[in-house]
Amino acid sequence: MRRHVHITPSVLSPQRLYAAIADVERWPLWDSHNRAAKLRGPIFHGTRFTLTEKTGLTRTMLIETADAPDRFVVVAILVFARLRVARDFLAVADGTQIVTTIESWGPLVSLWDRAVTRRVVRDCDAVNTALIDFAASAGCGVVQ
């Protein structure tokens, strides 16, 4: 298994950030790599959704953990590999620390590492900054 951890500070509350990440179908509004997202049920452990990248490639995704407002984890179901992106929203005195853990594993992890994981790791800070900006916008609801 390969594992990468990033910490991104935010002045927003965990509730505000969780509300933004849990609004899966609006991910393309803040994640420039995505063109569309289609949820196949409520935000819940085990719910699947499809994520279409700007390249046109569509991936099946799984919500592994949805614990408002503390943790949101998705897993990309790749051919002979998996890619997990976990975001923990840790309340601190001046806001929240977003702890993003990116893990990949499986027989073809080396292939997917070159094709996908490296980009996800490289762009983590920029994507988290876009998430924070989206969460700060007036159109983003708050999960209680």
Protein backbone atom coordinates (compact mmCIF):
# COMPACT_ATOMS: atom_id res chain seq x y z
CA MET A 1 0.00 0.00 0.00
CA ARG A 2 1.18 3.50 -0.81
CA ARG A 3 0.21 6.33 1.51
CA HIS A 4 0.49 10.12 1.35
CA VAL A 5 -0.73 12.63 3.95
CA HIS A 6 -1.36 16.37 3.46
CA ILE A 7 -2.54 18.93 6.01
CA THR A 8 -4.36 22.03 4.79
CA PRO A 9 -5.43 24.75 7.26
CA SER A 10 -8.77 26.54 6.97
CA VAL A 11 -10.56 29.22 8.99
CA LEU A 12 -13.88 27.49 8.25
CA SER A 13 -15.64 25.10 10.63
CA PRO A 14 -15.60 21.33 10.11
CA GLN A 15 -19.38 21.50 9.56
CA ARG A 16 -18.99 23.93 6.68
CA LEU A 17 -16.22 21.91 5.03
CA TYR A 18 -18.06 18.62 5.48
CA ALA A 19 -21.19 20.12 3.89
CA ALA A 20 -19.16 21.05 0.82
CA ILE A 21 -17.48 17.65 0.43
CA ALA A 22 -20.75 15.78 1.03
CA ASP A 23 -22.39 17.68 -1.83
CA VAL A 24 -20.95 15.14 -4.27
CA GLU A 25 -22.89 16.19 -7.36
CA ARG A 26 -21.44 19.70 -7.05
CA TRP A 27 -17.80 18.54 -6.93
CA PRO A 28 -17.19 19.73 -10.51
CA LEU A 29 -17.85 23.29 -9.29
CA TRP A 30 -14.67 23.23 -7.21
CA ASP A 31 -12.56 20.31 -8.49
CA SER A 32 -11.23 21.31 -11.90
CA HIS A 33 -10.44 17.69 -12.82
CA ASN A 34 -14.12 16.67 -12.82
CA ARG A 35 -16.84 17.31 -15.37
CA ALA A 36 -19.77 15.52 -13.68
CA ALA A 37 -20.71 13.47 -10.64
CA LYS A 38 -23.84 11.37 -10.29
CA LEU A 39 -24.85 9.98 -6.92
CA ARG A 40 -26.74 6.67 -6.78
CA GLY A 41 -28.37 7.20 -3.40
CA PRO A 42 -28.08 9.19 -0.19
CA ILE A 43 -24.75 10.17 1.34
CA PHE A 44 -24.15 7.05 3.38
CA HIS A 45 -21.50 4.39 3.97
CA GLY A 46 -21.46 2.14 0.90
CA THR A 47 -23.22 4.49 -1.55
CA ARG A 48 -21.76 4.38 -5.03
CA PHE A 49 -21.48 7.25 -7.47
CA THR A 50 -19.88 7.93 -10.81
CA LEU A 51 -17.32 10.62 -11.37
CA THR A 52 -16.60 11.80 -14.90
CA GLU A 53 -13.27 13.51 -15.39
CA LYS A 54 -12.65 16.37 -17.85
CA THR A 55 -10.87 13.78 -20.00
CA GLY A 56 -14.20 11.95 -20.43
CA LEU A 57 -13.15 8.95 -18.34
CA THR A 58 -15.88 7.85 -15.92
CA ARG A 59 -14.98 6.05 -12.70
CA THR A 60 -17.13 4.21 -10.20
CA MET A 61 -16.61 5.59 -6.71
CA LEU A 62 -17.69 4.33 -3.30
CA ILE A 63 -18.42 6.39 -0.21
CA GLU A 64 -16.55 4.36 2.38
CA THR A 65 -17.15 6.68 5.34
CA ALA A 66 -19.49 9.61 5.81
CA ASP A 67 -19.24 10.72 9.44
CA ALA A 68 -20.49 14.31 9.60
CA PRO A 69 -18.78 16.62 10.31
CA ASP A 70 -15.49 14.83 11.00
CA ARG A 71 -14.61 12.43 8.18
CA PHE A 72 -15.44 11.77 4.53
CA VAL A 73 -13.77 8.91 2.65
CA VAL A 74 -14.19 7.85 -0.97
CA VAL A 75 -12.63 4.96 -2.84
CA ALA A 76 -12.06 4.91 -6.59
CA ILE A 77 -12.67 1.44 -7.98
CA LEU A 78 -9.93 0.94 -10.55
CA VAL A 79 -9.02 -2.15 -12.56
CA PHE A 80 -7.06 -4.37 -10.14
CA ALA A 81 -6.42 -1.46 -7.79
CA ARG A 82 -8.14 0.93 -5.41
CA LEU A 83 -7.47 4.57 -4.55
CA ARG A 84 -8.78 5.92 -1.25
CA VAL A 85 -8.99 9.64 -0.46
CA ALA A 86 -9.86 10.32 3.17
CA ARG A 87 -10.46 13.79 4.51
CA ASP A 88 -10.56 14.34 8.25
CA PHE A 89 -11.81 17.73 9.42
CA LEU A 90 -10.10 18.46 12.74
CA ALA A 91 -11.35 21.45 14.70
CA VAL A 92 -8.54 23.68 15.97
CA ALA A 93 -8.54 27.03 17.77
CA ASP A 94 -8.54 29.10 14.57
CA GLY A 95 -10.68 26.87 12.32
CA THR A 96 -10.04 23.44 10.89
CA GLN A 97 -7.15 21.33 9.72
CA ILE A 98 -8.05 19.22 6.71
CA VAL A 99 -5.97 16.06 6.95
CA THR A 100 -6.06 14.34 3.57
CA THR A 101 -4.78 10.77 3.40
CA ILE A 102 -4.33 9.25 -0.05
CA GLU A 103 -3.79 5.50 -0.25
CA SER A 104 -3.55 3.13 -3.19
CA TRP A 105 -3.24 -0.64 -3.30
CA GLY A 106 -3.82 -3.69 -5.50
CA PRO A 107 -1.98 -5.82 -8.06
CA LEU A 108 -1.76 -2.95 -10.59
CA VAL A 109 -0.99 -0.21 -8.08
CA SER A 110 2.23 0.76 -9.92
CA LEU A 111 0.34 1.37 -13.15
CA TRP A 112 -2.41 3.39 -11.43
CA ASP A 113 0.18 5.25 -9.39
CA ARG A 114 1.63 6.66 -12.59
CA ALA A 115 -1.76 7.22 -14.23
CA VAL A 116 -3.81 8.67 -11.36
CA THR A 117 -2.38 8.66 -7.83
CA ARG A 118 0.58 10.93 -8.51
CA ARG A 119 -1.74 13.60 -9.94
CA VAL A 120 -4.10 13.32 -6.96
CA VAL A 121 -1.16 13.71 -4.56
CA ARG A 122 0.42 16.56 -6.55
CA ASP A 123 -2.84 18.51 -6.76
CA CYS A 124 -4.03 17.84 -3.19
CA ASP A 125 -3.30 21.31 -1.80
CA ALA A 126 -4.86 23.09 -4.79
CA VAL A 127 -7.96 20.88 -4.65
CA ASN A 128 -8.32 21.45 -0.90
CA THR A 129 -7.97 25.20 -1.41
CA ALA A 130 -10.73 25.06 -4.03
CA LEU A 131 -12.87 23.02 -1.59
CA ILE A 132 -12.34 25.69 1.08
CA ASP A 133 -13.29 28.45 -1.38
CA PHE A 134 -16.43 26.54 -2.39
CA ALA A 135 -17.37 25.89 1.25
CA ALA A 136 -16.99 29.61 1.98
CA SER A 137 -19.37 30.55 -0.82
CA ALA A 138 -22.96 31.49 -0.03
CA GLY A 139 -24.38 28.58 -2.04
CA CYS A 140 -22.94 25.89 0.20
CA GLY A 141 -25.22 24.53 2.92
CA VAL A 142 -24.13 23.38 6.36
CA VAL A 143 -24.65 19.88 7.76
CA GLN A 144 -25.58 19.98 11.45
